[in-house]
C-alpha atoms as a PDB file:
ATOM      1  CA  UNK A   1      75.102  83.526  91.410  1.00  0.00           C
ATOM      2  CA  UNK A   2      78.702  84.516  93.095  1.00  0.00           C
ATOM      3  CA  UNK A   3      79.712  87.668  92.020  1.00  0.00           C
ATOM      4  CA  UNK A   4      83.575  87.864  92.607  1.00  0.00           C
ATOM      5  CA  UNK A   5      84.373  90.908  94.740  1.00  0.00           C
ATOM      6  CA  UNK A   6      88.284  92.148  95.019  1.00  0.00           C
ATOM      7  CA  UNK A   7      90.312  93.868  97.024  1.00  0.00           C
ATOM      8  CA  UNK A   8      93.832  95.023  96.370  1.00  0.00           C
ATOM      9  CA  UNK A   9      96.396  95.713  99.162  1.00  0.00           C
ATOM     10  CA  UNK A  10      99.556  97.214  99.963  1.00  0.00           C
ATOM     11  CA  UNK A  11     102.276  97.368 102.519  1.00  0.00           C
ATOM     12  CA  UNK A  12     105.326  99.288 103.650  1.00  0.00           C
ATOM     13  CA  UNK A  13     106.914  99.517 106.722  1.00  0.00           C
ATOM     14  CA  UNK A  14     110.172 101.591 108.113  1.00  0.00           C
ATOM     15  CA  UNK A  15     113.157  99.306 108.734  1.00  0.00           C
ATOM     16  CA  UNK A  16     112.835  99.837 112.467  1.00  0.00           C
ATOM     17  CA  UNK A  17     109.733  98.258 112.424  1.00  0.00           C
ATOM     18  CA  UNK A  18     110.748  95.125 110.698  1.00  0.00           C
ATOM     19  CA  UNK A  19     110.586  91.776 112.128  1.00  0.00           C
ATOM     20  CA  UNK A  20     108.037  92.670 114.807  1.00  0.00           C
ATOM     21  CA  UNK A  21     104.914  90.696 113.060  1.00  0.00           C
ATOM     22  CA  UNK A  22     103.550  94.183 112.329  1.00  0.00           C
ATOM     23  CA  UNK A  23     102.712  94.083 108.834  1.00  0.00           C
ATOM     24  CA  UNK A  24     101.292  89.787 108.563  1.00  0.00           C
ATOM     25  CA  UNK A  25      98.879  90.783 111.819  1.00  0.00           C
ATOM     26  CA  UNK A  26      97.502  94.462 109.934  1.00  0.00           C
ATOM     27  CA  UNK A  27      97.456  92.052 106.822  1.00  0.00           C
ATOM     28  CA  UNK A  28      95.152  89.059 109.045  1.00  0.00           C
ATOM     29  CA  UNK A  29      92.931  91.500 110.042  1.00  0.00           C
ATOM     30  CA  UNK A  30      92.347  93.035 106.336  1.00  0.00           C
ATOM     31  CA  UNK A  31      91.901  89.387 104.855  1.00  0.00           C
ATOM     32  CA  UNK A  32      89.144  88.710 108.067  1.00  0.00           C
ATOM     33  CA  UNK A  33      87.361  91.823 107.154  1.00  0.00           C
ATOM     34  CA  UNK A  34      87.391  91.027 103.685  1.00  0.00           C
ATOM     35  CA  UNK A  35      86.104  87.298 103.907  1.00  0.00           C
ATOM     36  CA  UNK A  36      83.836  88.481 107.445  1.00  0.00           C
ATOM     37  CA  UNK A  37      82.370  91.849 106.668  1.00  0.00           C
ATOM     38  CA  UNK A  38      82.592  92.215 102.821  1.00  0.00           C
ATOM     39  CA  UNK A  39      82.077  88.834 101.993  1.00  0.00           C
ATOM     40  CA  UNK A  40      84.948  89.018  99.475  1.00  0.00           C
ATOM     41  CA  UNK A  41      85.658  86.285  97.521  1.00  0.00           C
ATOM     42  CA  UNK A  42      89.629  86.866  96.302  1.00  0.00           C
ATOM     43  CA  UNK A  43      91.995  89.473  97.492  1.00  0.00           C
ATOM     44  CA  UNK A  44      95.493  90.519  95.484  1.00  0.00           C
ATOM     45  CA  UNK A  45      98.550  91.295  96.999  1.00  0.00           C
ATOM     46  CA  UNK A  46     102.281  92.141  95.114  1.00  0.00           C
ATOM     47  CA  UNK A  47     105.612  92.664  95.782  1.00  0.00           C
ATOM     48  CA  UNK A  48     108.523  94.593  93.637  1.00  0.00           C
ATOM     49  CA  UNK A  49     111.014  91.971  91.939  1.00  0.00           C
ATOM     50  CA  UNK A  50     114.059  91.584  94.392  1.00  0.00           C
ATOM     51  CA  UNK A  51     111.830  92.147  97.759  1.00  0.00           C
ATOM     52  CA  UNK A  52     111.997  88.756  99.027  1.00  0.00           C
ATOM     53  CA  UNK A  53     110.554  89.778 102.290  1.00  0.00           C
ATOM     54  CA  UNK A  54     107.385  91.007 101.299  1.00  0.00           C
ATOM     55  CA  UNK A  55     107.100  87.718  98.813  1.00  0.00           C
ATOM     56  CA  UNK A  56     107.378  85.643 102.230  1.00  0.00           C
ATOM     57  CA  UNK A  57     104.925  87.290 104.132  1.00  0.00           C
ATOM     58  CA  UNK A  58     102.599  87.261 101.128  1.00  0.00           C
ATOM     59  CA  UNK A  59     103.766  82.957 101.670  1.00  0.00           C
ATOM     60  CA  UNK A  60     102.766  83.291 104.687  1.00  0.00           C
ATOM     61  CA  UNK A  61      99.416  84.792 104.650  1.00  0.00           C
ATOM     62  CA  UNK A  62      98.297  81.966 102.056  1.00  0.00           C
ATOM     63  CA  UNK A  63      98.771  83.766  98.766  1.00  0.00           C
ATOM     64  CA  UNK A  64      99.624  82.302  95.750  1.00  0.00           C
ATOM     65  CA  UNK A  65     101.462  83.484  93.094  1.00  0.00           C
ATOM     66  CA  UNK A  66      99.496  84.626  89.589  1.00  0.00           C
ATOM     67  CA  UNK A  67     101.407  86.679  87.198  1.00  0.00           C
ATOM     68  CA  UNK A  68     104.702  88.916  86.994  1.00  0.00           C
ATOM     69  CA  UNK A  69     103.738  92.568  85.474  1.00  0.00           C
ATOM     70  CA  UNK A  70     106.885  94.434  84.252  1.00  0.00           C
ATOM     71  CA  UNK A  71     107.216  98.039  83.430  1.00  0.00           C
ATOM     72  CA  UNK A  72     104.514  99.633  85.946  1.00  0.00           C
ATOM     73  CA  UNK A  73     104.938 102.772  86.885  1.00  0.00           C
ATOM     74  CA  UNK A  74     105.220 103.611  90.908  1.00  0.00           C
ATOM     75  CA  UNK A  75     104.719 106.592  92.929  1.00  0.00           C
ATOM     76  CA  UNK A  76     108.194 108.318  91.515  1.00  0.00           C
ATOM     77  CA  UNK A  77     107.641 109.796  88.044  1.00  0.00           C
ATOM     78  CA  UNK A  78     109.369 107.746  85.557  1.00  0.00           C
ATOM     79  CA  UNK A  79     110.394 104.853  87.191  1.00  0.00           C
ATOM     80  CA  UNK A  80     109.465 101.692  87.030  1.00  0.00           C
ATOM     81  CA  UNK A  81     108.869  98.482  88.476  1.00  0.00           C
ATOM     82  CA  UNK A  82     108.502  94.823  87.290  1.00  0.00           C
ATOM     83  CA  UNK A  83     105.390  93.905  89.740  1.00  0.00           C
ATOM     84  CA  UNK A  84     104.844  89.940  91.295  1.00  0.00           C
ATOM     85  CA  UNK A  85     101.268  89.678  91.366  1.00  0.00           C
ATOM     86  CA  UNK A  86      99.657  86.897  94.175  1.00  0.00           C
ATOM     87  CA  UNK A  87      96.273  86.342  94.875  1.00  0.00           C
ATOM     88  CA  UNK A  88      94.522  84.634  97.877  1.00  0.00           C
ATOM     89  CA  UNK A  89      91.293  82.879  96.455  1.00  0.00           C
ATOM     90  CA  UNK A  90      88.526  83.327  99.884  1.00  0.00           C
ATOM     91  CA  UNK A  91      86.230  80.623 100.792  1.00  0.00           C
ATOM     92  CA  UNK A  92      82.482  81.658 100.042  1.00  0.00           C
END
């Protein structure tokens, strides 16, 4: 019987570090750890509406759009975001 395990992660980085490939490199390490060490079958990620750079990073890593969730609370009290959720299905 195959069980589905989930790992959700998010990322943020200061502008001074944009364009250096740090987020894709870190995400690739997390994906490898999930696949090889934790035997995960799926990993979830998401981006806030309008953050096309984050969406593009996820696409380059192999994530595929799954759904959009409106009015998701964030770390700032009272602020809501539209979040686009993507997933990466890993081979068992």
